[in-house]
Every structure is written in C-alpha cells, then in structure tokens.
Amino acid sequence: MLWIALTALGAGVVALAVMGMVIAHYVHSYERAKLGKPDPAPAAPHDDDLRDEVARLRGRVATLERLATDGDHRLSAEIDRLSRGEVSSRV
C-alpha cells in the first residue's frame, strides 16, 4: 500500500511542477505587460522542447495513475511484461 501513496505523491509532484511553470509564465508576462514591455516571441526550438517535455510528463502521469488504480494482479502482470521487454499499446 505504500507504493500507492508514493505513486500518488509522485503524480502530485509532477502536476504541481507543471502548474508552477504555467503560473510563473503568466506572472512573468503580467509583470512585463505592467512595465509596458511585451513578451519577446519564444524561439521555436524552445517551444518544441516544452511540448516534448509535457508529452513525456503526461505519459508518466498516466502510467502512475494506472499503477495507483489497478489491482495487484494487473500491476504484477505489467511488471512481468515490461521485464520481458514487451511494449504495451495502452496509455
């Protein structure tokens, strides 16, 4: 049962980190607008990196949610399958 709590905690940490990044962006934008300085256009590679990071984190959160809500039998079968190197089509 400890792993369920740790998994939920991990998902919460990831969610808080993403929300913190979004809030920090909006605060920064607000401060620049207040000073009359528009935000410079972000570079395209930076946007792509952020999109990739968000997609990766969403996949990890989905996995953590699945592990936290699945029964012990499904978790055991998933671990066995992954240890054999099989890839799941589930997300």
C-alpha atoms as a PDB file:
ATOM      1  CA  MET A   1       0.000   0.000   0.000  1.00  0.00           C
ATOM      2  CA  LEU A   2       2.977   2.302   0.475  1.00  0.00           C
ATOM      3  CA  TRP A   3       3.669   2.227  -3.263  1.00  0.00           C
ATOM      4  CA  ILE A   4       0.154   3.562  -3.936  1.00  0.00           C
ATOM      5  CA  ALA A   5       0.785   6.525  -1.658  1.00  0.00           C
ATOM      6  CA  LEU A   6       4.197   7.133  -3.216  1.00  0.00           C
ATOM      7  CA  THR A   7       2.759   6.882  -6.730  1.00  0.00           C
ATOM      8  CA  ALA A   8       0.000   9.345  -5.898  1.00  0.00           C
ATOM      9  CA  LEU A   9       2.572  11.633  -4.307  1.00  0.00           C
ATOM     10  CA  GLY A  10       4.751  11.425  -7.428  1.00  0.00           C
ATOM     11  CA  ALA A  11       1.815  12.277  -9.676  1.00  0.00           C
ATOM     12  CA  GLY A  12       1.007  15.205  -7.423  1.00  0.00           C
ATOM     13  CA  VAL A  13       4.579  16.474  -7.582  1.00  0.00           C
ATOM     14  CA  VAL A  14       4.584  16.324 -11.379  1.00  0.00           C
ATOM     15  CA  ALA A  15       1.226  18.119 -11.538  1.00  0.00           C
ATOM     16  CA  LEU A  16       2.429  20.822  -9.133  1.00  0.00           C
ATOM     17  CA  ALA A  17       5.637  21.318 -11.115  1.00  0.00           C
ATOM     18  CA  VAL A  18       3.732  21.793 -14.366  1.00  0.00           C
ATOM     19  CA  MET A  19       1.254  24.161 -12.701  1.00  0.00           C
ATOM     20  CA  GLY A  20       4.159  26.110 -11.193  1.00  0.00           C
ATOM     21  CA  MET A  21       5.730  26.539 -14.608  1.00  0.00           C
ATOM     22  CA  VAL A  22       2.453  27.798 -16.068  1.00  0.00           C
ATOM     23  CA  ILE A  23       1.844  30.204 -13.176  1.00  0.00           C
ATOM     24  CA  ALA A  24       5.411  31.517 -13.356  1.00  0.00           C
ATOM     25  CA  HIS A  25       4.966  32.169 -17.080  1.00  0.00           C
ATOM     26  CA  TYR A  26       1.774  34.147 -16.521  1.00  0.00           C
ATOM     27  CA  VAL A  27       3.254  36.131 -13.625  1.00  0.00           C
ATOM     28  CA  HIS A  28       6.265  36.982 -15.767  1.00  0.00           C
ATOM     29  CA  SER A  29       4.015  38.024 -18.663  1.00  0.00           C
ATOM     30  CA  TYR A  30       1.884  40.148 -16.337  1.00  0.00           C
ATOM     31  CA  GLU A  31       4.922  41.919 -14.888  1.00  0.00           C
ATOM     32  CA  ARG A  32       6.328  42.657 -18.351  1.00  0.00           C
ATOM     33  CA  ALA A  33       2.940  43.975 -19.526  1.00  0.00           C
ATOM     34  CA  LYS A  34       2.680  46.147 -16.417  1.00  0.00           C
ATOM     35  CA  LEU A  35       6.064  47.672 -17.239  1.00  0.00           C
ATOM     36  CA  GLY A  36       4.996  48.198 -20.850  1.00  0.00           C
ATOM     37  CA  LYS A  37       7.426  45.618 -22.232  1.00  0.00           C
ATOM     38  CA  PRO A  38       5.791  42.996 -24.430  1.00  0.00           C
ATOM     39  CA  ASP A  39       6.992  39.422 -24.143  1.00  0.00           C
ATOM     40  CA  PRO A  40       9.517  38.570 -26.815  1.00  0.00           C
ATOM     41  CA  ALA A  41       8.431  35.762 -29.122  1.00  0.00           C
ATOM     42  CA  PRO A  42       9.888  32.489 -27.810  1.00  0.00           C
ATOM     43  CA  ALA A  43      12.207  30.570 -30.065  1.00  0.00           C
ATOM     44  CA  ALA A  44      10.610  27.653 -31.891  1.00  0.00           C
ATOM     45  CA  PRO A  45      13.079  25.009 -30.610  1.00  0.00           C
ATOM     46  CA  HIS A  46      12.236  26.013 -27.043  1.00  0.00           C
ATOM     47  CA  ASP A  47       8.525  25.506 -27.752  1.00  0.00           C
ATOM     48  CA  ASP A  48       9.227  22.093 -29.236  1.00  0.00           C
ATOM     49  CA  ASP A  49      11.280  21.120 -26.191  1.00  0.00           C
ATOM     50  CA  LEU A  50       8.457  22.178 -23.872  1.00  0.00           C
ATOM     51  CA  ARG A  51       5.873  20.272 -25.901  1.00  0.00           C
ATOM     52  CA  ASP A  52       8.051  17.155 -25.802  1.00  0.00           C
ATOM     53  CA  GLU A  53       8.555  17.536 -22.049  1.00  0.00           C
ATOM     54  CA  VAL A  54       4.824  17.967 -21.417  1.00  0.00           C
ATOM     55  CA  ALA A  55       4.023  14.928 -23.570  1.00  0.00           C
ATOM     56  CA  ARG A  56       6.635  12.878 -21.690  1.00  0.00           C
ATOM     57  CA  LEU A  57       5.285  14.018 -18.312  1.00  0.00           C
ATOM     58  CA  ARG A  58       1.694  13.274 -19.346  1.00  0.00           C
ATOM     59  CA  GLY A  59       2.750   9.749 -20.270  1.00  0.00           C
ATOM     60  CA  ARG A  60       4.453   9.311 -16.912  1.00  0.00           C
ATOM     61  CA  VAL A  61       1.408  10.652 -15.034  1.00  0.00           C
ATOM     62  CA  ALA A  62      -0.866   8.298 -16.992  1.00  0.00           C
ATOM     63  CA  THR A  63       1.377   5.390 -16.037  1.00  0.00           C
ATOM     64  CA  LEU A  64       1.417   6.451 -12.383  1.00  0.00           C
ATOM     65  CA  GLU A  65      -2.371   6.827 -12.362  1.00  0.00           C
ATOM     66  CA  ARG A  66      -2.788   3.393 -13.917  1.00  0.00           C
ATOM     67  CA  LEU A  67      -0.455   1.850 -11.360  1.00  0.00           C
ATOM     68  CA  ALA A  68      -2.222   3.595  -8.477  1.00  0.00           C
ATOM     69  CA  THR A  69      -5.694   2.449  -9.551  1.00  0.00           C
ATOM     70  CA  ASP A  70      -5.030  -1.057 -10.916  1.00  0.00           C
ATOM     71  CA  GLY A  71      -5.216  -4.162  -8.773  1.00  0.00           C
ATOM     72  CA  ASP A  72      -2.128  -6.050  -7.642  1.00  0.00           C
ATOM     73  CA  HIS A  73      -2.605  -8.761 -10.277  1.00  0.00           C
ATOM     74  CA  ARG A  74      -2.573  -6.294 -13.182  1.00  0.00           C
ATOM     75  CA  LEU A  75       0.434  -4.480 -11.722  1.00  0.00           C
ATOM     76  CA  SER A  76       2.335  -7.743 -11.351  1.00  0.00           C
ATOM     77  CA  ALA A  77       1.476  -8.789 -14.909  1.00  0.00           C
ATOM     78  CA  GLU A  78       2.541  -5.358 -16.233  1.00  0.00           C
ATOM     79  CA  ILE A  79       5.889  -5.545 -14.417  1.00  0.00           C
ATOM     80  CA  ASP A  80       6.489  -9.059 -15.735  1.00  0.00           C
ATOM     81  CA  ARG A  81       5.607  -7.964 -19.270  1.00  0.00           C
ATOM     82  CA  LEU A  82       7.905  -4.942 -19.075  1.00  0.00           C
ATOM     83  CA  SER A  83      10.754  -7.024 -17.699  1.00  0.00           C
ATOM     84  CA  ARG A  84      10.444  -9.252 -20.785  1.00  0.00           C
ATOM     85  CA  GLY A  85      10.798  -6.139 -22.959  1.00  0.00           C
ATOM     86  CA  GLU A  86       7.278  -6.151 -24.385  1.00  0.00           C
ATOM     87  CA  VAL A  87       5.744  -2.791 -25.240  1.00  0.00           C
ATOM     88  CA  SER A  88       2.132  -2.016 -24.337  1.00  0.00           C
ATOM     89  CA  SER A  89      -0.233  -0.262 -26.719  1.00  0.00           C
ATOM     90  CA  ARG A  90      -2.183   1.082 -23.682  1.00  0.00           C
ATOM     91  CA  VAL A  91      -1.578   4.626 -22.495  1.00  0.00           C
END
